[in-house]
Amino acid sequence: TSTPCLLVGSDGTVSCSGPSPLSIQG
């Protein structure tokens, strides 16, 4: 989406090994 649904974050790594919503701003 043009505007992120929500934010998740880290000062290090943000890792997903399976499908994740592309609308999330990682």
mmCIF file of all heavy atoms, coordinates in Angstrom:
data_MODEL
# 
_entry.id   MODEL 
# 
loop_
_atom_site.group_PDB 
_atom_site.id 
_atom_site.type_symbol 
_atom_site.label_atom_id 
_atom_site.label_alt_id 
_atom_site.label_comp_id 
_atom_site.label_asym_id 
_atom_site.label_entity_id 
_atom_site.label_seq_id 
_atom_site.pdbx_PDB_ins_code 
_atom_site.Cartn_x 
_atom_site.Cartn_y 
_atom_site.Cartn_z 
_atom_site.occupancy 
_atom_site.B_iso_or_equiv 
_atom_site.pdbx_formal_charge 
_atom_site.auth_seq_id 
_atom_site.auth_comp_id 
_atom_site.auth_asym_id 
_atom_site.auth_atom_id 
_atom_site.pdbx_PDB_model_num 
ATOM 1   N N   . THR A 1 1  ? 0.848  -1.191  0.000  1.00 0.00 ? 1  THR A N   1 
ATOM 2   C CA  . THR A 1 1  ? 0.000  0.000   0.000  1.00 0.00 ? 1  THR A CA  1 
ATOM 3   C C   . THR A 1 1  ? 0.883  1.240   0.000  1.00 0.00 ? 1  THR A C   1 
ATOM 4   O O   . THR A 1 1  ? 2.040  1.201   0.433  1.00 0.00 ? 1  THR A O   1 
ATOM 5   C CB  . THR A 1 1  ? -0.913 0.034   1.244  1.00 0.00 ? 1  THR A CB  1 
ATOM 6   O OG1 . THR A 1 1  ? -0.117 -0.040  2.427  1.00 0.00 ? 1  THR A OG1 1 
ATOM 7   C CG2 . THR A 1 1  ? -1.894 -1.135  1.232  1.00 0.00 ? 1  THR A CG2 1 
ATOM 8   N N   . SER A 1 2  ? 0.337  2.350   -0.500 1.00 0.00 ? 2  SER A N   1 
ATOM 9   C CA  . SER A 1 2  ? 1.130  3.584   -0.574 1.00 0.00 ? 2  SER A CA  1 
ATOM 10  C C   . SER A 1 2  ? 1.501  4.102   0.806  1.00 0.00 ? 2  SER A C   1 
ATOM 11  O O   . SER A 1 2  ? 2.576  4.649   1.016  1.00 0.00 ? 2  SER A O   1 
ATOM 12  C CB  . SER A 1 2  ? 0.360  4.661   -1.347 1.00 0.00 ? 2  SER A CB  1 
ATOM 13  O OG  . SER A 1 2  ? -0.904 4.909   -0.740 1.00 0.00 ? 2  SER A OG  1 
ATOM 14  N N   . THR A 1 3  ? 0.595  3.928   1.762  1.00 0.00 ? 3  THR A N   1 
ATOM 15  C CA  . THR A 1 3  ? 0.871  4.284   3.156  1.00 0.00 ? 3  THR A CA  1 
ATOM 16  C C   . THR A 1 3  ? 0.995  3.001   3.957  1.00 0.00 ? 3  THR A C   1 
ATOM 17  O O   . THR A 1 3  ? 0.114  2.151   3.891  1.00 0.00 ? 3  THR A O   1 
ATOM 18  C CB  . THR A 1 3  ? -0.257 5.149   3.732  1.00 0.00 ? 3  THR A CB  1 
ATOM 19  O OG1 . THR A 1 3  ? -0.390 6.332   2.953  1.00 0.00 ? 3  THR A OG1 1 
ATOM 20  C CG2 . THR A 1 3  ? 0.051  5.535   5.173  1.00 0.00 ? 3  THR A CG2 1 
ATOM 21  N N   . PRO A 1 4  ? 2.080  2.821   4.708  1.00 0.00 ? 4  PRO A N   1 
ATOM 22  C CA  . PRO A 1 4  ? 2.243  1.578   5.471  1.00 0.00 ? 4  PRO A CA  1 
ATOM 23  C C   . PRO A 1 4  ? 1.082  1.334   6.409  1.00 0.00 ? 4  PRO A C   1 
ATOM 24  O O   . PRO A 1 4  ? 0.548  2.255   7.026  1.00 0.00 ? 4  PRO A O   1 
ATOM 25  C CB  . PRO A 1 4  ? 3.545  1.813   6.249  1.00 0.00 ? 4  PRO A CB  1 
ATOM 26  C CG  . PRO A 1 4  ? 4.274  2.866   5.482  1.00 0.00 ? 4  PRO A CG  1 
ATOM 27  C CD  . PRO A 1 4  ? 3.216  3.739   4.877  1.00 0.00 ? 4  PRO A CD  1 
ATOM 28  N N   . CYS A 1 5  ? 0.697  0.078   6.525  1.00 0.00 ? 5  CYS A N   1 
ATOM 29  C CA  . CYS A 1 5  ? -0.362 -0.284  7.468  1.00 0.00 ? 5  CYS A CA  1 
ATOM 30  C C   . CYS A 1 5  ? 0.114  -0.024  8.892  1.00 0.00 ? 5  CYS A C   1 
ATOM 31  O O   . CYS A 1 5  ? -0.614 0.547   9.705  1.00 0.00 ? 5  CYS A O   1 
ATOM 32  C CB  . CYS A 1 5  ? -0.732 -1.749  7.273  1.00 0.00 ? 5  CYS A CB  1 
ATOM 33  S SG  . CYS A 1 5  ? -1.958 -2.364  8.450  1.00 0.00 ? 5  CYS A SG  1 
ATOM 34  N N   . LEU A 1 6  ? 1.338  -0.421  9.202  1.00 0.00 ? 6  LEU A N   1 
ATOM 35  C CA  . LEU A 1 6  ? 1.948  -0.155  10.487 1.00 0.00 ? 6  LEU A CA  1 
ATOM 36  C C   . LEU A 1 6  ? 3.451  -0.334  10.357 1.00 0.00 ? 6  LEU A C   1 
ATOM 37  O O   . LEU A 1 6  ? 3.958  -0.762  9.323  1.00 0.00 ? 6  LEU A O   1 
ATOM 38  C CB  . LEU A 1 6  ? 1.369  -1.045  11.597 1.00 0.00 ? 6  LEU A CB  1 
ATOM 39  C CG  . LEU A 1 6  ? 1.327  -2.567  11.402 1.00 0.00 ? 6  LEU A CG  1 
ATOM 40  C CD1 . LEU A 1 6  ? 2.684  -3.201  11.621 1.00 0.00 ? 6  LEU A CD1 1 
ATOM 41  C CD2 . LEU A 1 6  ? 0.315  -3.185  12.360 1.00 0.00 ? 6  LEU A CD2 1 
ATOM 42  N N   . LEU A 1 7  ? 4.170  -0.003  11.416 1.00 0.00 ? 7  LEU A N   1 
ATOM 43  C CA  . LEU A 1 7  ? 5.624  -0.086  11.405 1.00 0.00 ? 7  LEU A CA  1 
ATOM 44  C C   . LEU A 1 7  ? 6.112  -1.181  12.352 1.00 0.00 ? 7  LEU A C   1 
ATOM 45  O O   . LEU A 1 7  ? 5.634  -1.294  13.477 1.00 0.00 ? 7  LEU A O   1 
ATOM 46  C CB  . LEU A 1 7  ? 6.250  1.237   11.846 1.00 0.00 ? 7  LEU A CB  1 
ATOM 47  C CG  . LEU A 1 7  ? 6.012  2.477   10.992 1.00 0.00 ? 7  LEU A CG  1 
ATOM 48  C CD1 . LEU A 1 7  ? 6.671  3.684   11.660 1.00 0.00 ? 7  LEU A CD1 1 
ATOM 49  C CD2 . LEU A 1 7  ? 6.542  2.291   9.590  1.00 0.00 ? 7  LEU A CD2 1 
ATOM 50  N N   . VAL A 1 8  ? 7.042  -1.997  11.878 1.00 0.00 ? 8  VAL A N   1 
ATOM 51  C CA  . VAL A 1 8  ? 7.839  -2.862  12.738 1.00 0.00 ? 8  VAL A CA  1 
ATOM 52  C C   . VAL A 1 8  ? 9.286  -2.514  12.454 1.00 0.00 ? 8  VAL A C   1 
ATOM 53  O O   . VAL A 1 8  ? 9.624  -2.072  11.350 1.00 0.00 ? 8  VAL A O   1 
ATOM 54  C CB  . VAL A 1 8  ? 7.567  -4.357  12.490 1.00 0.00 ? 8  VAL A CB  1 
ATOM 55  C CG1 . VAL A 1 8  ? 6.122  -4.700  12.776 1.00 0.00 ? 8  VAL A CG1 1 
ATOM 56  C CG2 . VAL A 1 8  ? 7.944  -4.763  11.067 1.00 0.00 ? 8  VAL A CG2 1 
ATOM 57  N N   . GLY A 1 9  ? 10.164 -2.660  13.445 1.00 0.00 ? 9  GLY A N   1 
ATOM 58  C CA  . GLY A 1 9  ? 11.528 -2.235  13.191 1.00 0.00 ? 9  GLY A CA  1 
ATOM 59  C C   . GLY A 1 9  ? 12.521 -2.765  14.195 1.00 0.00 ? 9  GLY A C   1 
ATOM 60  O O   . GLY A 1 9  ? 12.155 -3.386  15.194 1.00 0.00 ? 9  GLY A O   1 
ATOM 61  N N   . SER A 1 10 ? 13.803 -2.506  13.903 1.00 0.00 ? 10 SER A N   1 
ATOM 62  C CA  . SER A 1 10 ? 14.885 -2.940  14.762 1.00 0.00 ? 10 SER A CA  1 
ATOM 63  C C   . SER A 1 10 ? 16.122 -2.108  14.482 1.00 0.00 ? 10 SER A C   1 
ATOM 64  O O   . SER A 1 10 ? 16.308 -1.605  13.371 1.00 0.00 ? 10 SER A O   1 
ATOM 65  C CB  . SER A 1 10 ? 15.197 -4.423  14.525 1.00 0.00 ? 10 SER A CB  1 
ATOM 66  O OG  . SER A 1 10 ? 16.335 -4.832  15.265 1.00 0.00 ? 10 SER A OG  1 
ATOM 67  N N   . ASP A 1 11 ? 16.982 -1.949  15.495 1.00 0.00 ? 11 ASP A N   1 
ATOM 68  C CA  . ASP A 1 11 ? 18.300 -1.369  15.268 1.00 0.00 ? 11 ASP A CA  1 
ATOM 69  C C   . ASP A 1 11 ? 19.238 -2.387  14.638 1.00 0.00 ? 11 ASP A C   1 
ATOM 70  O O   . ASP A 1 11 ? 20.351 -2.043  14.239 1.00 0.00 ? 11 ASP A O   1 
ATOM 71  C CB  . ASP A 1 11 ? 18.901 -0.881  16.591 1.00 0.00 ? 11 ASP A CB  1 
ATOM 72  C CG  . ASP A 1 11 ? 18.350 0.473   17.008 1.00 0.00 ? 11 ASP A CG  1 
ATOM 73  O OD1 . ASP A 1 11 ? 17.902 1.230   16.135 1.00 0.00 ? 11 ASP A OD1 1 
ATOM 74  O OD2 . ASP A 1 11 ? 18.377 0.773   18.220 1.00 0.00 ? 11 ASP A OD2 1 
ATOM 75  N N   . GLY A 1 12 ? 18.802 -3.642  14.578 1.00 0.00 ? 12 GLY A N   1 
ATOM 76  C CA  . GLY A 1 12 ? 19.603 -4.691  13.971 1.00 0.00 ? 12 GLY A CA  1 
ATOM 77  C C   . GLY A 1 12 ? 18.940 -5.269  12.743 1.00 0.00 ? 12 GLY A C   1 
ATOM 78  O O   . GLY A 1 12 ? 19.006 -4.713  11.661 1.00 0.00 ? 12 GLY A O   1 
ATOM 79  N N   . THR A 1 13 ? 18.223 -6.389  12.913 1.00 0.00 ? 13 THR A N   1 
ATOM 80  C CA  . THR A 1 13 ? 17.623 -7.064  11.768 1.00 0.00 ? 13 THR A CA  1 
ATOM 81  C C   . THR A 1 13 ? 16.133 -7.268  11.976 1.00 0.00 ? 13 THR A C   1 
ATOM 82  O O   . THR A 1 13 ? 15.645 -7.406  13.096 1.00 0.00 ? 13 THR A O   1 
ATOM 83  C CB  . THR A 1 13 ? 18.275 -8.433  11.533 1.00 0.00 ? 13 THR A CB  1 
ATOM 84  O OG1 . THR A 1 13 ? 18.075 -9.258  12.696 1.00 0.00 ? 13 THR A OG1 1 
ATOM 85  C CG2 . THR A 1 13 ? 19.765 -8.286  11.263 1.00 0.00 ? 13 THR A CG2 1 
ATOM 86  N N   . VAL A 1 14 ? 15.414 -7.281  10.874 1.00 0.00 ? 14 VAL A N   1 
ATOM 87  C CA  . VAL A 1 14 ? 14.000 -7.642  10.838 1.00 0.00 ? 14 VAL A CA  1 
ATOM 88  C C   . VAL A 1 14 ? 13.882 -8.746  9.813  1.00 0.00 ? 14 VAL A C   1 
ATOM 89  O O   . VAL A 1 14 ? 14.052 -8.517  8.617  1.00 0.00 ? 14 VAL A O   1 
ATOM 90  C CB  . VAL A 1 14 ? 13.108 -6.444  10.448 1.00 0.00 ? 14 VAL A CB  1 
ATOM 91  C CG1 . VAL A 1 14 ? 11.637 -6.839  10.480 1.00 0.00 ? 14 VAL A CG1 1 
ATOM 92  C CG2 . VAL A 1 14 ? 13.351 -5.264  11.372 1.00 0.00 ? 14 VAL A CG2 1 
ATOM 93  N N   . SER A 1 15 ? 13.615 -9.954  10.282 1.00 0.00 ? 15 SER A N   1 
ATOM 94  C CA  . SER A 1 15 ? 13.703 -11.111 9.401  1.00 0.00 ? 15 SER A CA  1 
ATOM 95  C C   . SER A 1 15 ? 12.416 -11.914 9.403  1.00 0.00 ? 15 SER A C   1 
ATOM 96  O O   . SER A 1 15 ? 11.873 -12.242 10.461 1.00 0.00 ? 15 SER A O   1 
ATOM 97  C CB  . SER A 1 15 ? 14.875 -12.009 9.832  1.00 0.00 ? 15 SER A CB  1 
ATOM 98  O OG  . SER A 1 15 ? 14.924 -13.179 9.053  1.00 0.00 ? 15 SER A OG  1 
ATOM 99  N N   . CYS A 1 16 ? 11.914 -12.215 8.203  1.00 0.00 ? 16 CYS A N   1 
ATOM 100 C CA  . CYS A 1 16 ? 10.753 -13.081 8.036  1.00 0.00 ? 16 CYS A CA  1 
ATOM 101 C C   . CYS A 1 16 ? 11.132 -14.206 7.076  1.00 0.00 ? 16 CYS A C   1 
ATOM 102 O O   . CYS A 1 16 ? 11.607 -13.943 5.965  1.00 0.00 ? 16 CYS A O   1 
ATOM 103 C CB  . CYS A 1 16 ? 9.563  -12.314 7.464  1.00 0.00 ? 16 CYS A CB  1 
ATOM 104 S SG  . CYS A 1 16 ? 8.864  -11.065 8.565  1.00 0.00 ? 16 CYS A SG  1 
ATOM 105 N N   . SER A 1 17 ? 10.920 -15.454 7.491  1.00 0.00 ? 17 SER A N   1 
ATOM 106 C CA  . SER A 1 17 ? 11.232 -16.585 6.607  1.00 0.00 ? 17 SER A CA  1 
ATOM 107 C C   . SER A 1 17 ? 9.997  -17.089 5.878  1.00 0.00 ? 17 SER A C   1 
ATOM 108 O O   . SER A 1 17 ? 10.089 -17.973 5.033  1.00 0.00 ? 17 SER A O   1 
ATOM 109 C CB  . SER A 1 17 ? 11.852 -17.730 7.413  1.00 0.00 ? 17 SER A CB  1 
ATOM 110 O OG  . SER A 1 17 ? 10.942 -18.195 8.393  1.00 0.00 ? 17 SER A OG  1 
ATOM 111 N N   . GLY A 1 18 ? 8.825  -16.547 6.210  1.00 0.00 ? 18 GLY A N   1 
ATOM 112 C CA  . GLY A 1 18 ? 7.603  -16.950 5.538  1.00 0.00 ? 18 GLY A CA  1 
ATOM 113 C C   . GLY A 1 18 ? 6.887  -15.743 4.978  1.00 0.00 ? 18 GLY A C   1 
ATOM 114 O O   . GLY A 1 18 ? 7.365  -14.609 5.079  1.00 0.00 ? 18 GLY A O   1 
ATOM 115 N N   . PRO A 1 19 ? 5.718  -15.940 4.360  1.00 0.00 ? 19 PRO A N   1 
ATOM 116 C CA  . PRO A 1 19 ? 4.971  -14.812 3.789  1.00 0.00 ? 19 PRO A CA  1 
ATOM 117 C C   . PRO A 1 19 ? 4.629  -13.768 4.850  1.00 0.00 ? 19 PRO A C   1 
ATOM 118 O O   . PRO A 1 19 ? 4.249  -14.105 5.975  1.00 0.00 ? 19 PRO A O   1 
ATOM 119 C CB  . PRO A 1 19 ? 3.704  -15.477 3.244  1.00 0.00 ? 19 PRO A CB  1 
ATOM 120 C CG  . PRO A 1 19 ? 4.056  -16.916 3.079  1.00 0.00 ? 19 PRO A CG  1 
ATOM 121 C CD  . PRO A 1 19 ? 5.029  -17.226 4.164  1.00 0.00 ? 19 PRO A CD  1 
ATOM 122 N N   . SER A 1 20 ? 4.797  -12.490 4.502  1.00 0.00 ? 20 SER A N   1 
ATOM 123 C CA  . SER A 1 20 ? 4.449  -11.400 5.410  1.00 0.00 ? 20 SER A CA  1 
ATOM 124 C C   . SER A 1 20 ? 3.718  -10.329 4.612  1.00 0.00 ? 20 SER A C   1 
ATOM 125 O O   . SER A 1 20 ? 3.931  -10.201 3.401  1.00 0.00 ? 20 SER A O   1 
ATOM 126 C CB  . SER A 1 20 ? 5.702  -10.812 6.063  1.00 0.00 ? 20 SER A CB  1 
ATOM 127 O OG  . SER A 1 20 ? 6.565  -10.286 5.081  1.00 0.00 ? 20 SER A OG  1 
ATOM 128 N N   . PRO A 1 21 ? 2.832  -9.588  5.251  1.00 0.00 ? 21 PRO A N   1 
ATOM 129 C CA  . PRO A 1 21 ? 2.081  -8.552  4.524  1.00 0.00 ? 21 PRO A CA  1 
ATOM 130 C C   . PRO A 1 21 ? 3.011  -7.498  3.932  1.00 0.00 ? 21 PRO A C   1 
ATOM 131 O O   . PRO A 1 21 ? 3.819  -6.906  4.648  1.00 0.00 ? 21 PRO A O   1 
ATOM 132 C CB  . PRO A 1 21 ? 1.177  -7.963  5.611  1.00 0.00 ? 21 PRO A CB  1 
ATOM 133 C CG  . PRO A 1 21 ? 1.128  -8.992  6.683  1.00 0.00 ? 21 PRO A CG  1 
ATOM 134 C CD  . PRO A 1 21 ? 2.457  -9.664  6.659  1.00 0.00 ? 21 PRO A CD  1 
ATOM 135 N N   . LEU A 1 22 ? 2.904  -7.245  2.662  1.00 0.00 ? 22 LEU A N   1 
ATOM 136 C CA  . LEU A 1 22 ? 3.737  -6.226  2.025  1.00 0.00 ? 22 LEU A CA  1 
ATOM 137 C C   . LEU A 1 22 ? 3.311  -4.824  2.432  1.00 0.00 ? 22 LEU A C   1 
ATOM 138 O O   . LEU A 1 22 ? 4.030  -3.853  2.185  1.00 0.00 ? 22 LEU A O   1 
ATOM 139 C CB  . LEU A 1 22 ? 3.659  -6.363  0.500  1.00 0.00 ? 22 LEU A CB  1 
ATOM 140 C CG  . LEU A 1 22 ? 4.256  -7.654  -0.074 1.00 0.00 ? 22 LEU A CG  1 
ATOM 141 C CD1 . LEU A 1 22 ? 4.056  -7.693  -1.585 1.00 0.00 ? 22 LEU A CD1 1 
ATOM 142 C CD2 . LEU A 1 22 ? 5.729  -7.769  0.263  1.00 0.00 ? 22 LEU A CD2 1 
ATOM 143 N N   . SER A 1 23 ? 2.149  -4.708  3.067  1.00 0.00 ? 23 SER A N   1 
ATOM 144 C CA  . SER A 1 23 ? 1.676  -3.389  3.495  1.00 0.00 ? 23 SER A CA  1 
ATOM 145 C C   . SER A 1 23 ? 2.352  -2.937  4.777  1.00 0.00 ? 23 SER A C   1 
ATOM 146 O O   . SER A 1 23 ? 2.221  -1.790  5.178  1.00 0.00 ? 23 SER A O   1 
ATOM 147 C CB  . SER A 1 23 ? 0.160  -3.427  3.698  1.00 0.00 ? 23 SER A CB  1 
ATOM 148 O OG  . SER A 1 23 ? -0.192 -4.409  4.666  1.00 0.00 ? 23 SER A OG  1 
ATOM 149 N N   . ILE A 1 24 ? 3.083  -3.826  5.434  1.00 0.00 ? 24 ILE A N   1 
ATOM 150 C CA  . ILE A 1 24 ? 3.817  -3.457  6.643  1.00 0.00 ? 24 ILE A CA  1 
ATOM 151 C C   . ILE A 1 24 ? 5.107  -2.766  6.239  1.00 0.00 ? 24 ILE A C   1 
ATOM 152 O O   . ILE A 1 24 ? 5.781  -3.173  5.299  1.00 0.00 ? 24 ILE A O   1 
ATOM 153 C CB  . ILE A 1 24 ? 4.135  -4.700  7.492  1.00 0.00 ? 24 ILE A CB  1 
ATOM 154 C CG1 . ILE A 1 24 ? 2.851  -5.270  8.092  1.00 0.00 ? 24 ILE A CG1 1 
ATOM 155 C CG2 . ILE A 1 24 ? 5.116  -4.373  8.604  1.00 0.00 ? 24 ILE A CG2 1 
ATOM 156 C CD1 . ILE A 1 24 ? 3.061  -6.522  8.891  1.00 0.00 ? 24 ILE A CD1 1 
ATOM 157 N N   . GLN A 1 25 ? 5.453  -1.707  6.935  1.00 0.00 ? 25 GLN A N   1 
ATOM 158 C CA  . GLN A 1 25 ? 6.723  -1.024  6.694  1.00 0.00 ? 25 GLN A CA  1 
ATOM 159 C C   . GLN A 1 25 ? 7.759  -1.627  7.621  1.00 0.00 ? 25 GLN A C   1 
ATOM 160 O O   . GLN A 1 25 ? 7.850  -1.281  8.796  1.00 0.00 ? 25 GLN A O   1 
ATOM 161 C CB  . GLN A 1 25 ? 6.610  0.472   6.949  1.00 0.00 ? 25 GLN A CB  1 
ATOM 162 C CG  . GLN A 1 25 ? 7.860  1.244   6.573  1.00 0.00 ? 25 GLN A CG  1 
ATOM 163 C CD  . GLN A 1 25 ? 7.927  1.547   5.087  1.00 0.00 ? 25 GLN A CD  1 
ATOM 164 O OE1 . GLN A 1 25 ? 7.217  2.391   4.587  1.00 0.00 ? 25 GLN A OE1 1 
ATOM 165 N NE2 . GLN A 1 25 ? 8.783  0.827   4.383  1.00 0.00 ? 25 GLN A NE2 1 
ATOM 166 N N   . GLY A 1 26 ? 8.531  -2.578  7.127  1.00 0.00 ? 26 GLY A N   1 
ATOM 167 C CA  . GLY A 1 26 ? 9.597  -3.184  7.908  1.00 0.00 ? 26 GLY A CA  1 
ATOM 168 C C   . GLY A 1 26 ? 10.814 -2.275  7.880  1.00 0.00 ? 26 GLY A C   1 
ATOM 169 O O   . GLY A 1 26 ? 11.309 -1.940  6.812  1.00 0.00 ? 26 GLY A O   1 
# 
